[in-house]
Amino acid sequence: MRRSKRKYEGIKRGRVNIVPLVDVSLSLLIMFVVSLPFVFETGIFVNAPGVAATKGKPSSDVKVNIYLKSDGSILLNDEPVDRKELEKLLPELLRRSADRKVIVSADTSVDYERVIEVLDLSKEKGAAELVILRRKG
């Protein structure tokens, strides 16, 4: 039984074929460049609840609590307001607040869109910190 050497005639010994390595490397480079903008995308960052350390700065009695009800009404510090009033009152309250924190809570049947709109409005009007509060019940 003699083996045929015709199969191996076209292959030169001692050389490494690097074409697949270059293909994989370029594919990885392209994927890295394409996915790079997603790394720097801005968004809303949420921290887990915990005990906050006091920093010794004076606190103000002015608080900004926004509650979204399922019927479409908005309560600002337990007072009913409409969206236009909220846009006017929010900057005033944030200016008088020491920590400029806005606490947003909503009924369970409220759409996420409405909550995000209020969060965006709060940030636009000067809120330094946004808190989403989940109410039991």
Protein backbone atom coordinates (compact mmCIF):
# COMPACT_ATOMS: atom_id res chain seq x y z
CA MET A 1 0.00 0.00 0.00
CA ARG A 2 1.62 3.01 -1.18
CA ARG A 3 0.37 6.41 -0.08
CA SER A 4 -0.34 8.98 -2.62
CA LYS A 5 1.77 12.12 -2.26
CA ARG A 6 -0.32 14.09 -4.70
CA LYS A 7 -2.52 15.37 -1.92
CA TYR A 8 0.35 17.10 -0.20
CA GLU A 9 2.13 18.47 -3.22
CA GLY A 10 0.59 21.97 -2.97
CA ILE A 11 1.43 22.49 0.70
CA LYS A 12 4.83 23.83 1.56
CA ARG A 13 6.20 22.67 4.83
CA GLY A 14 7.49 25.07 7.46
CA ARG A 15 5.09 27.95 6.73
CA VAL A 16 2.29 29.10 9.00
CA ASN A 17 -0.90 30.30 7.40
CA ILE A 18 -1.72 33.60 9.18
CA VAL A 19 -4.69 34.62 7.05
CA PRO A 20 -7.28 33.26 9.54
CA LEU A 21 -5.45 35.04 12.38
CA VAL A 22 -5.59 38.35 10.51
CA ASP A 23 -9.29 37.82 9.73
CA VAL A 24 -10.14 37.20 13.37
CA SER A 25 -8.02 40.15 14.53
CA LEU A 26 -9.66 42.57 12.10
CA SER A 27 -13.12 41.29 13.02
CA LEU A 28 -12.41 41.90 16.70
CA LEU A 29 -11.06 45.36 15.97
CA ILE A 30 -14.15 46.30 13.95
CA MET A 31 -16.48 45.01 16.70
CA PHE A 32 -14.54 47.02 19.29
CA VAL A 33 -14.77 50.22 17.27
CA VAL A 34 -18.49 49.71 16.60
CA SER A 35 -19.32 48.99 20.26
CA LEU A 36 -17.22 51.86 21.66
CA PRO A 37 -20.02 54.50 21.57
CA PHE A 38 -22.20 52.29 23.77
CA VAL A 39 -19.60 52.41 26.54
CA PHE A 40 -19.83 56.19 26.84
CA GLU A 41 -23.62 56.40 26.60
CA THR A 42 -25.28 58.50 29.28
CA GLY A 43 -28.19 57.31 31.30
CA ILE A 44 -29.85 57.21 34.66
CA PHE A 45 -27.74 55.49 37.27
CA VAL A 46 -29.47 53.81 40.17
CA ASN A 47 -27.79 53.01 43.48
CA ALA A 48 -29.07 50.38 45.85
CA PRO A 49 -30.66 51.75 49.01
CA GLY A 50 -28.41 51.99 52.01
CA VAL A 51 -27.47 54.13 54.94
CA ALA A 52 -26.18 57.51 53.87
CA ALA A 53 -23.26 59.01 55.72
CA THR A 54 -23.74 62.52 57.01
CA LYS A 55 -21.26 65.00 55.62
CA GLY A 56 -21.85 67.72 58.18
CA LYS A 57 -23.39 70.24 55.80
CA PRO A 58 -26.47 72.07 56.96
CA SER A 59 -29.72 70.63 55.77
CA SER A 60 -32.75 72.58 54.70
CA ASP A 61 -36.36 71.85 55.51
CA VAL A 62 -37.30 72.24 51.85
CA LYS A 63 -37.96 68.85 50.31
CA VAL A 64 -39.09 67.92 46.84
CA ASN A 65 -41.37 64.88 46.86
CA ILE A 66 -43.21 64.11 43.64
CA TYR A 67 -45.91 61.45 43.64
CA LEU A 68 -47.52 60.30 40.39
CA LYS A 69 -51.03 58.91 40.80
CA SER A 70 -52.60 56.38 38.48
CA ASP A 71 -55.39 58.81 37.51
CA GLY A 72 -52.81 61.15 35.93
CA SER A 73 -52.58 63.69 38.73
CA ILE A 74 -49.29 64.83 40.26
CA LEU A 75 -48.68 65.60 43.93
CA LEU A 76 -45.78 67.91 44.77
CA ASN A 77 -45.08 67.71 48.52
CA ASP A 78 -48.62 66.29 48.99
CA GLU A 79 -50.20 69.23 47.13
CA PRO A 80 -51.93 68.59 43.78
CA VAL A 81 -50.30 70.38 40.83
CA ASP A 82 -50.47 70.07 37.08
CA ARG A 83 -47.46 69.70 34.80
CA LYS A 84 -47.09 73.43 34.08
CA GLU A 85 -47.15 74.30 37.78
CA LEU A 86 -44.59 71.57 38.43
CA GLU A 87 -42.27 73.11 35.84
CA LYS A 88 -42.57 76.52 37.56
CA LEU A 89 -42.34 75.37 41.19
CA LEU A 90 -39.56 72.81 40.80
CA PRO A 91 -36.69 75.28 40.20
CA GLU A 92 -37.81 77.44 43.14
CA LEU A 93 -37.93 74.50 45.52
CA LEU A 94 -34.57 73.17 44.31
CA ARG A 95 -32.93 76.58 44.83
CA ARG A 96 -34.10 76.66 48.46
CA SER A 97 -33.06 73.06 49.11
CA ALA A 98 -29.56 72.39 50.44
CA ASP A 99 -29.02 68.99 48.83
CA ARG A 100 -31.22 69.54 45.73
CA LYS A 101 -32.65 66.03 45.97
CA VAL A 102 -35.88 65.04 44.21
CA ILE A 103 -37.79 61.98 45.44
CA VAL A 104 -40.14 60.49 42.85
CA SER A 105 -42.68 57.80 43.65
CA ALA A 106 -45.64 56.48 41.71
CA ASP A 107 -48.58 54.14 41.87
CA THR A 108 -47.89 50.66 40.53
CA SER A 109 -50.12 51.20 37.49
CA VAL A 110 -48.29 54.35 36.30
CA ASP A 111 -46.37 53.93 33.03
CA TYR A 112 -42.59 54.10 33.14
CA GLU A 113 -42.72 56.83 30.50
CA ARG A 114 -44.39 59.25 32.91
CA VAL A 115 -41.87 58.49 35.65
CA ILE A 116 -38.94 58.99 33.26
CA GLU A 117 -40.47 62.28 32.02
CA VAL A 118 -40.64 63.58 35.60
CA LEU A 119 -37.07 62.43 36.27
CA ASP A 120 -35.86 64.20 33.11
CA LEU A 121 -37.78 67.34 34.03
CA SER A 122 -36.28 67.33 37.52
CA LYS A 123 -32.76 66.96 36.18
CA GLU A 124 -33.41 69.70 33.63
CA LYS A 125 -34.64 72.10 36.35
CA GLY A 126 -31.51 71.63 38.49
CA ALA A 127 -31.85 68.50 40.62
CA ALA A 128 -28.48 67.23 41.80
CA GLU A 129 -29.75 63.85 42.96
CA LEU A 130 -32.74 61.77 41.87
CA VAL A 131 -34.32 59.12 44.06
CA ILE A 132 -36.99 56.64 42.99
CA LEU A 133 -39.03 55.55 45.97
CA ARG A 134 -41.13 52.41 45.94
CA ARG A 135 -44.16 52.65 48.17
CA LYS A 136 -45.59 49.56 49.80
CA GLY A 137 -49.23 48.91 49.42
